Amino acid sequence: MAGEFARSLAKGSAAPGPVPEGMIRLYSMRYCPFAQRTRLVLKAKGIDHEIININLKNKPDWLLEKNPFGLVPVLETSKGQLIYESPITCEYLDEAYPGKKLYPEDPYEKAYQKMILEFFSKLIFMSHKYFLANRNGEDTSALKEEYTEKLLKLEEILANRKTKFFGGSSVSMIDYLMWPWFERLEALQLYDCLNHTPTLKRWVESMNLDPAVKATITDPQTYKGYLELYVKNSHEACDYGL
C-alpha cells in the first residue's frame, strides 16, 4: 500500500510493481530522519512522487534488491533505476528535476555546504548515543557537553555567514539535510542545548515556517512514542500512531 501515512510493508509482503511513467517512488519510513531528508527535497521541489513505507524492524526480503544495505531512503524511477544513501538521493533529485535548485551553482559554495554536512554528520551518532545513555540512567553530562560544543561550532559558522540560513537568505540543501535531527532535539531531550546558540535557535524558528518542513514534521510526543517501541525492537514501531 502506497502513501506517506500508509502502514509499512514487512517481511513476507510482495514487492511493489513497476513505478508509473512520470513518477518517482520513495521507499521510506515515517520516523526515519534520513528518509525525511529525501521527503523534504521532494516537497520543496514539488516533485510528483509516491511513497512506500518499509518496516525497518521486520524488513521485507526484497528490500535488499533495492538497496544492498537494507536501509531507506531509496528512490526508484520508472526506468527501474535505484538511488540510495540520503545525501545522494537529495542531490539526484536536485539535478534531475527542474525548479528551484537547492544546491548552489557556485562550485565553492556547493563544496562548502558539503563540508558543513560532513561536520554535522558527527552529531547524528552523538544524539542517538545520548538518548540511549540517558534512557538507561547513565551519566550523560560529558556527552551533552561534547554535543553542545559541536553545536557551538555550527553557531559560529552561521553567525559568521550573517545569513538567515546556512546557504543564504533562503532555505537550501544543507538546511534540509541537517533539519531532521534539529526537529528531534526535544524528543531526544537535547533541545536545551540551543540555549547556548542563539543564532542557531533563530534558524530553527525560521525552518519551522518552511512549507516543506511543515509538510513532513512529526510532533515530539508522537516521536517519543515511536522511540519507546523502537528501542524495544518492536515490529509495531514503524507504524506507531496509525
Protein backbone atom coordinates (compact mmCIF):
# COMPACT_ATOMS: atom_id res chain seq x y z
CA MET A 1 0.00 0.00 0.00
CA ALA A 2 1.43 3.37 -1.07
CA GLY A 3 1.15 6.68 0.74
CA GLU A 4 3.01 8.80 3.24
CA PHE A 5 0.78 7.60 6.09
CA ALA A 6 0.21 4.06 4.85
CA ARG A 7 1.22 1.10 7.00
CA SER A 8 4.69 -0.22 6.27
CA LEU A 9 5.50 -3.29 4.21
CA ALA A 10 7.13 -6.04 6.26
CA LYS A 11 8.70 -9.47 5.83
CA GLY A 12 6.52 -11.69 3.65
CA SER A 13 4.97 -8.78 1.72
CA ALA A 14 5.10 -8.74 -2.06
CA ALA A 15 7.39 -6.24 -3.75
CA PRO A 16 5.54 -3.30 -5.35
CA GLY A 17 5.14 -3.31 -9.12
CA PRO A 18 6.88 -1.01 -11.61
CA VAL A 19 6.92 2.73 -10.97
CA PRO A 20 4.37 4.52 -13.20
CA GLU A 21 5.70 6.70 -16.01
CA GLY A 22 6.30 10.29 -14.93
CA MET A 23 6.52 9.30 -11.28
CA ILE A 24 9.33 8.59 -8.86
CA ARG A 25 8.96 6.25 -5.88
CA LEU A 26 10.49 6.71 -2.45
CA TYR A 27 10.96 3.75 -0.12
CA SER A 28 10.76 5.40 3.26
CA MET A 29 9.83 5.03 6.92
CA ARG A 30 7.66 7.63 8.58
CA TYR A 31 10.01 8.32 11.50
CA CYS A 32 13.37 7.92 9.75
CA PRO A 33 15.34 11.20 9.76
CA PHE A 34 17.45 10.05 6.81
CA ALA A 35 14.35 9.36 4.70
CA GLN A 36 12.90 12.68 5.85
CA ARG A 37 15.79 14.40 4.09
CA THR A 38 14.56 12.98 0.78
CA ARG A 39 10.92 13.77 1.58
CA LEU A 40 11.88 17.38 2.32
CA VAL A 41 13.54 17.76 -1.08
CA LEU A 42 10.61 16.08 -2.88
CA LYS A 43 8.22 18.54 -1.19
CA ALA A 44 10.47 21.60 -1.66
CA LYS A 45 10.81 20.94 -5.40
CA GLY A 46 7.18 19.89 -5.89
CA ILE A 47 8.13 16.56 -7.45
CA ASP A 48 5.32 14.14 -8.28
CA HIS A 49 6.08 11.03 -6.23
CA GLU A 50 4.71 8.06 -4.35
CA ILE A 51 5.88 6.71 -1.01
CA ILE A 52 6.19 3.08 0.07
CA ASN A 53 6.83 2.75 3.80
CA ILE A 54 9.14 -0.04 4.94
CA ASN A 55 9.10 -1.78 8.32
CA LEU A 56 12.75 -1.44 9.32
CA LYS A 57 12.24 -3.72 12.33
CA ASN A 58 10.84 -6.52 10.16
CA LYS A 59 12.21 -5.85 6.68
CA PRO A 60 10.82 -7.48 3.54
CA ASP A 61 13.43 -9.65 1.84
CA TRP A 62 13.09 -7.76 -1.45
CA LEU A 63 14.39 -4.54 0.17
CA LEU A 64 17.93 -5.87 -0.34
CA GLU A 65 17.24 -5.90 -4.08
CA LYS A 66 16.54 -2.16 -3.87
CA ASN A 67 19.44 -1.34 -1.55
CA PRO A 68 22.17 -3.84 -0.60
CA PHE A 69 22.43 -2.13 2.82
CA GLY A 70 18.74 -2.85 3.50
CA LEU A 71 18.06 0.74 4.51
CA VAL A 72 15.90 3.68 3.48
CA PRO A 73 15.67 6.06 1.73
CA VAL A 74 15.72 4.50 -1.73
CA LEU A 75 14.47 6.20 -4.87
CA GLU A 76 13.21 4.13 -7.80
CA THR A 77 12.49 5.63 -11.21
CA SER A 78 10.05 4.41 -13.87
CA LYS A 79 13.11 3.02 -15.70
CA GLY A 80 13.92 0.83 -12.68
CA GLN A 81 16.93 2.94 -11.69
CA LEU A 82 17.70 2.81 -7.94
CA ILE A 83 19.36 5.57 -5.90
CA TYR A 84 20.16 5.23 -2.19
CA GLU A 85 22.03 7.00 0.65
CA SER A 86 20.15 10.12 1.74
CA PRO A 87 22.55 12.89 0.59
CA ILE A 88 22.89 11.14 -2.79
CA THR A 89 19.11 10.82 -3.24
CA CYS A 90 18.72 14.53 -2.45
CA GLU A 91 21.43 15.62 -4.87
CA TYR A 92 19.96 13.37 -7.56
CA LEU A 93 16.52 14.97 -7.17
CA ASP A 94 18.04 18.44 -7.26
CA GLU A 95 19.89 17.70 -10.51
CA ALA A 96 17.29 15.53 -12.25
CA TYR A 97 14.25 17.77 -11.72
CA PRO A 98 13.55 21.37 -12.72
CA GLY A 99 12.52 24.18 -10.41
CA LYS A 100 14.48 25.87 -7.68
CA LYS A 101 17.97 24.44 -7.27
CA LEU A 102 18.66 23.65 -3.63
CA TYR A 103 22.40 23.25 -4.01
CA PRO A 104 24.21 26.46 -5.05
CA GLU A 105 25.61 26.56 -8.58
CA ASP A 106 28.88 28.09 -7.41
CA PRO A 107 31.36 25.18 -7.01
CA TYR A 108 32.89 26.57 -3.82
CA GLU A 109 29.53 27.26 -2.17
CA LYS A 110 28.39 23.74 -3.03
CA ALA A 111 31.61 22.28 -1.62
CA TYR A 112 31.20 24.45 1.49
CA GLN A 113 27.74 23.02 2.13
CA LYS A 114 29.11 19.51 1.80
CA MET A 115 31.89 20.32 4.29
CA ILE A 116 29.30 21.57 6.80
CA LEU A 117 27.36 18.35 6.24
CA GLU A 118 30.49 16.30 6.93
CA PHE A 119 30.95 18.11 10.23
CA PHE A 120 27.26 17.81 11.13
CA SER A 121 27.29 14.05 10.48
CA LYS A 122 29.30 13.59 13.69
CA LEU A 123 26.35 14.97 15.70
CA ILE A 124 23.94 12.36 14.36
CA PHE A 125 25.68 9.48 16.14
CA MET A 126 26.16 11.56 19.30
CA SER A 127 22.46 12.45 19.64
CA HIS A 128 21.44 8.79 19.32
CA LYS A 129 24.13 7.74 21.81
CA TYR A 130 22.96 10.42 24.26
CA PHE A 131 19.33 9.31 24.04
CA LEU A 132 20.16 5.67 24.76
CA ALA A 133 22.55 6.52 27.62
CA ASN A 134 20.02 8.91 29.15
CA ARG A 135 17.26 6.31 28.88
CA ASN A 136 19.49 3.75 30.63
CA GLY A 137 20.10 6.14 33.52
CA GLU A 138 23.80 6.63 32.72
CA ASP A 139 25.74 9.81 33.43
CA THR A 140 25.38 11.83 30.22
CA SER A 141 26.88 15.15 31.33
CA ALA A 142 30.16 14.74 29.38
CA LEU A 143 28.32 13.58 26.27
CA LYS A 144 25.89 16.51 26.45
CA GLU A 145 28.78 18.93 26.90
CA GLU A 146 30.53 17.50 23.84
CA TYR A 147 27.29 17.74 21.84
CA THR A 148 26.86 21.38 22.87
CA GLU A 149 30.44 22.14 21.81
CA LYS A 150 29.66 20.79 18.34
CA LEU A 151 26.52 22.93 18.18
CA LEU A 152 28.60 25.96 19.14
CA LYS A 153 30.74 25.32 16.07
CA LEU A 154 27.62 25.33 13.88
CA GLU A 155 26.54 28.50 15.70
CA GLU A 156 29.87 30.08 14.76
CA ILE A 157 29.55 29.02 11.12
CA LEU A 158 26.06 30.50 10.79
CA ALA A 159 26.86 33.68 12.74
CA ASN A 160 29.94 34.32 10.57
CA ARG A 161 27.91 33.96 7.39
CA LYS A 162 25.49 36.64 8.67
CA THR A 163 22.61 34.99 6.81
CA LYS A 164 19.24 33.64 7.94
CA PHE A 165 20.00 30.15 6.67
CA PHE A 166 23.22 28.20 6.17
CA GLY A 167 23.13 28.75 2.40
CA GLY A 168 22.00 32.36 2.39
CA SER A 169 18.71 34.25 2.63
CA SER A 170 16.54 31.26 1.69
CA VAL A 171 16.46 27.56 2.62
CA SER A 172 18.93 25.45 0.65
CA MET A 173 20.13 21.86 0.58
CA ILE A 174 22.33 21.98 3.69
CA ASP A 175 19.42 23.29 5.77
CA TYR A 176 17.22 20.39 4.71
CA LEU A 177 19.98 17.82 5.20
CA MET A 178 20.51 18.88 8.83
CA TRP A 179 16.94 19.70 9.77
CA PRO A 180 15.53 16.25 10.73
CA TRP A 181 17.85 15.99 13.76
CA PHE A 182 17.02 19.50 14.97
CA GLU A 183 13.33 18.62 14.69
CA ARG A 184 14.01 15.69 17.04
CA LEU A 185 16.01 17.60 19.69
CA GLU A 186 13.04 17.84 22.04
CA ALA A 187 12.22 14.13 21.78
CA LEU A 188 15.89 13.30 22.35
CA GLN A 189 15.98 15.64 25.39
CA LEU A 190 18.65 17.86 23.84
CA TYR A 191 16.62 20.95 22.98
CA ASP A 192 18.02 22.95 25.92
CA CYS A 193 21.44 22.81 24.20
CA LEU A 194 20.09 25.52 21.89
CA ASN A 195 20.04 27.92 24.85
CA HIS A 196 23.79 28.31 24.21
CA THR A 197 23.33 29.00 20.49
CA PRO A 198 21.00 31.99 19.86
CA THR A 199 21.74 32.22 16.11
CA LEU A 200 21.05 28.50 15.69
CA LYS A 201 17.87 28.83 17.72
CA ARG A 202 16.61 31.58 15.36
CA TRP A 203 17.47 29.29 12.44
CA VAL A 204 15.32 26.54 13.98
CA GLU A 205 12.44 29.01 14.36
CA SER A 206 12.81 30.07 10.71
CA MET A 207 13.00 26.47 9.50
CA ASN A 208 9.75 25.67 11.31
CA LEU A 209 8.00 28.14 8.98
CA ASP A 210 9.23 26.45 5.79
CA PRO A 211 6.40 24.73 3.81
CA ALA A 212 8.40 21.51 3.20
CA VAL A 213 9.30 21.30 6.90
CA LYS A 214 5.65 21.85 7.88
CA ALA A 215 4.60 19.10 5.47
CA THR A 216 6.99 16.50 6.91
CA ILE A 217 7.22 17.42 10.61
CA THR A 218 6.47 14.92 13.38
CA ASP A 219 5.10 16.00 16.74
CA PRO A 220 7.72 15.42 19.52
CA GLN A 221 5.29 13.39 21.66
CA THR A 222 4.48 11.12 18.72
CA TYR A 223 8.19 10.67 18.01
CA LYS A 224 8.81 9.80 21.67
CA GLY A 225 6.14 7.09 21.41
CA TYR A 226 7.86 5.69 18.33
CA LEU A 227 11.27 5.73 20.07
CA GLU A 228 9.97 3.75 23.03
CA LEU A 229 8.83 0.97 20.70
CA TYR A 230 11.95 1.26 18.53
CA VAL A 231 14.41 0.66 21.38
CA LYS A 232 12.37 -2.43 22.35
CA ASN A 233 12.77 -3.73 18.77
CA SER A 234 9.00 -3.82 18.40
CA HIS A 235 7.70 -4.68 14.93
CA GLU A 236 4.98 -2.09 15.58
CA ALA A 237 7.43 0.83 15.98
CA CYS A 238 7.41 1.93 12.32
CA ASP A 239 3.60 2.08 12.27
CA TYR A 240 3.21 3.86 15.61
CA GLY A 241 0.20 6.15 15.60
CA LEU A 242 -1.59 4.51 12.65
